[in-house]
Amino acid sequence: MSNRKLGRPTDQRLALLKGQVTDLLWHGKIETTLDRAKEVRKIAEKLITLAVKTYTDSVEVKKTRYNTNGDPIEVPFTNDGPNKLSARRRIMASVYDMREQRQKGEKKAVFRARTKDANHPLIEKIFNDYAPHYAKRAEESGQGGGYTRIIKLGTRRGDNAETALIELV
């Protein structure tokens, strides 16, 4: 099956799709043309499937830290296993890095405390929120996939392009 060209050169088309997949995974829904929505769906479903299959792969390790007196202390850490690390890197190559935004009326100190440990908020959202949710859904229903929904909205004024809303289910 061939890819839709979307009336753009390859580099522009790939950047456009990467941006729309990023926005879909960050916001949960986007409005775009029907052809773009179908292409975004293909990419987003593959990324979520990859996260669902590997989100439980983690390894407990102990690292030596030194306290204020200089005494060594064994501290347990949870690292990604090899499969999850590979999946994380593949997803990071397929989406743009989003930055966490300050909430309206949120103090700067509270924002820094909330986002202190989040290096890649979108990747964390995929592995910590979406993957467990969709894995549980797949376990209950007995089937995987179907993470997105496309709703046709009609034609756009001006160029008469058919628009659609794509959202995560």
Protein backbone atom coordinates (compact mmCIF):
# COMPACT_ATOMS: atom_id res chain seq x y z
CA MET A 1 0.00 0.00 0.00
CA SER A 2 1.41 3.36 -0.99
CA ASN A 3 1.52 6.47 1.15
CA ARG A 4 -0.57 9.50 0.34
CA LYS A 5 1.57 12.31 -1.08
CA LEU A 6 -0.60 15.04 0.47
CA GLY A 7 0.61 17.48 -2.21
CA ARG A 8 3.97 18.03 -0.53
CA PRO A 9 7.61 17.07 -1.08
CA THR A 10 8.82 14.16 1.03
CA ASP A 11 10.66 16.17 3.68
CA GLN A 12 7.74 18.56 4.19
CA ARG A 13 5.22 15.70 4.28
CA LEU A 14 7.20 13.78 6.90
CA ALA A 15 7.62 16.91 9.04
CA LEU A 16 3.91 17.68 8.75
CA LEU A 17 2.91 14.17 9.79
CA LYS A 18 5.45 14.12 12.63
CA GLY A 19 4.01 17.39 13.95
CA GLN A 20 0.42 16.21 13.69
CA VAL A 21 1.17 12.89 15.39
CA THR A 22 2.91 14.81 18.18
CA ASP A 23 -0.10 17.11 18.60
CA LEU A 24 -2.51 14.17 18.57
CA LEU A 25 -0.61 12.32 21.28
CA TRP A 26 -0.15 15.47 23.38
CA HIS A 27 -3.65 16.97 23.13
CA GLY A 28 -5.70 13.82 22.47
CA LYS A 29 -7.44 15.19 19.37
CA ILE A 30 -6.76 17.40 16.36
CA GLU A 31 -8.76 18.72 13.43
CA THR A 32 -7.24 18.28 10.00
CA THR A 33 -8.10 17.10 6.49
CA LEU A 34 -9.39 13.58 6.02
CA ASP A 35 -6.36 12.34 4.07
CA ARG A 36 -3.94 13.72 6.65
CA ALA A 37 -6.01 12.18 9.45
CA LYS A 38 -5.78 8.76 7.81
CA GLU A 39 -1.99 9.04 7.54
CA VAL A 40 -1.67 10.32 11.12
CA ARG A 41 -3.78 7.38 12.30
CA LYS A 42 -1.38 4.86 10.73
CA ILE A 43 1.63 6.36 12.47
CA ALA A 44 -0.03 6.97 15.86
CA GLU A 45 -1.47 3.46 16.09
CA LYS A 46 1.94 1.92 15.45
CA LEU A 47 3.58 4.08 18.12
CA ILE A 48 0.94 3.30 20.72
CA THR A 49 1.12 -0.42 19.90
CA LEU A 50 4.88 -0.31 20.38
CA ALA A 51 4.43 1.37 23.78
CA VAL A 52 1.71 -1.10 24.87
CA LYS A 53 3.92 -4.08 24.07
CA THR A 54 6.97 -2.79 25.96
CA TYR A 55 5.82 -0.52 28.80
CA THR A 56 6.25 -3.21 31.49
CA ASP A 57 9.90 -3.95 30.61
CA SER A 58 11.89 -2.43 33.46
CA VAL A 59 14.95 -3.46 35.47
CA GLU A 60 15.69 -2.78 39.14
CA VAL A 61 19.29 -1.67 39.72
CA LYS A 62 21.16 -0.40 42.76
CA LYS A 63 23.46 2.58 42.50
CA THR A 64 25.95 3.74 45.08
CA ARG A 65 25.43 7.27 46.34
CA TYR A 66 27.36 9.09 49.01
CA ASN A 67 25.68 10.97 51.84
CA THR A 68 26.95 14.19 53.42
CA ASN A 69 29.43 12.28 55.60
CA GLY A 70 30.90 10.50 52.59
CA ASP A 71 29.44 7.10 53.49
CA PRO A 72 28.29 4.95 50.57
CA ILE A 73 24.56 4.20 50.39
CA GLU A 74 22.91 1.70 48.05
CA VAL A 75 19.91 3.38 46.36
CA PRO A 76 17.49 1.33 44.22
CA PHE A 77 16.58 2.70 40.78
CA THR A 78 14.23 1.50 38.08
CA ASN A 79 15.72 1.59 34.60
CA ASP A 80 14.15 0.73 31.27
CA GLY A 81 14.76 -2.76 30.01
CA PRO A 82 16.29 -3.25 26.56
CA ASN A 83 12.95 -3.60 24.77
CA LYS A 84 11.43 -0.54 26.42
CA LEU A 85 14.57 1.49 25.80
CA SER A 86 14.52 0.58 22.12
CA ALA A 87 10.82 1.43 21.89
CA ARG A 88 11.39 4.73 23.69
CA ARG A 89 14.10 5.69 21.22
CA ARG A 90 11.98 4.72 18.22
CA ILE A 91 9.07 6.80 19.53
CA MET A 92 11.37 9.73 20.26
CA ALA A 93 12.53 9.61 16.63
CA SER A 94 8.93 9.66 15.40
CA VAL A 95 7.58 12.61 17.42
CA TYR A 96 8.78 16.07 18.35
CA ASP A 97 9.81 16.84 21.92
CA MET A 98 7.02 18.76 23.65
CA ARG A 99 7.59 20.92 26.70
CA GLU A 100 5.21 20.97 29.62
CA GLN A 101 3.25 24.23 29.82
CA ARG A 102 2.53 26.19 32.96
CA GLN A 103 -1.09 26.01 34.02
CA LYS A 104 -3.04 29.23 34.24
CA GLY A 105 -2.35 30.86 37.61
CA GLU A 106 0.35 28.32 38.52
CA LYS A 107 3.31 29.69 40.43
CA LYS A 108 6.76 29.29 38.93
CA ALA A 109 8.06 27.29 41.92
CA VAL A 110 5.10 24.90 41.75
CA PHE A 111 5.63 24.44 38.00
CA ARG A 112 9.34 23.66 38.52
CA ALA A 113 8.54 21.15 41.27
CA ARG A 114 5.91 19.46 39.09
CA THR A 115 8.16 19.19 36.04
CA LYS A 116 11.48 18.57 37.82
CA ASP A 117 11.82 14.91 36.78
CA ALA A 118 10.16 15.08 33.35
CA ASN A 119 12.84 15.24 30.66
CA HIS A 120 10.52 14.19 27.83
CA PRO A 121 6.92 14.80 28.94
CA LEU A 122 5.29 13.41 25.80
CA ILE A 123 7.23 10.14 25.96
CA GLU A 124 6.38 9.82 29.66
CA LYS A 125 2.72 10.45 28.86
CA ILE A 126 2.75 7.70 26.22
CA PHE A 127 4.39 5.12 28.49
CA ASN A 128 2.75 6.08 31.80
CA ASP A 129 -0.78 7.03 30.69
CA TYR A 130 -1.65 5.67 27.26
CA ALA A 131 0.15 2.31 27.33
CA PRO A 132 -1.39 0.99 30.59
CA HIS A 133 -4.83 2.32 29.60
CA TYR A 134 -4.80 0.64 26.19
CA ALA A 135 -3.21 -2.57 27.54
CA LYS A 136 -6.04 -2.87 30.06
CA ARG A 137 -8.56 -2.15 27.31
CA ALA A 138 -7.01 -4.82 25.07
CA GLU A 139 -7.07 -7.34 27.93
CA GLU A 140 -10.77 -6.69 28.61
CA SER A 141 -11.90 -6.70 24.99
CA GLY A 142 -9.49 -9.37 23.76
CA GLN A 143 -8.22 -7.33 20.82
CA GLY A 144 -5.55 -4.69 20.30
CA GLY A 145 -5.51 -1.62 18.11
CA GLY A 146 -8.30 0.81 17.43
CA TYR A 147 -6.71 3.55 19.49
CA THR A 148 -7.94 6.39 17.29
CA ARG A 149 -11.27 7.52 15.89
CA ILE A 150 -11.82 9.66 12.79
CA ILE A 151 -15.01 11.71 12.61
CA LYS A 152 -15.80 13.48 9.33
CA LEU A 153 -16.74 17.13 9.84
CA GLY A 154 -17.69 18.17 6.31
CA THR A 155 -15.93 20.44 3.89
CA ARG A 156 -13.74 23.39 4.71
CA ARG A 157 -14.77 26.82 3.52
CA GLY A 158 -12.37 28.25 0.99
CA ASP A 159 -10.83 25.19 -0.64
CA ASN A 160 -13.66 22.70 -0.09
CA ALA A 161 -11.29 20.16 1.48
CA GLU A 162 -12.97 17.43 3.51
CA THR A 163 -12.06 17.92 7.18
CA ALA A 164 -12.02 15.40 9.99
CA LEU A 165 -11.48 15.22 13.71
CA ILE A 166 -9.04 12.52 14.80
CA GLU A 167 -8.99 11.65 18.48
CA LEU A 168 -7.67 9.03 20.81
CA VAL A 169 -10.38 6.67 22.01
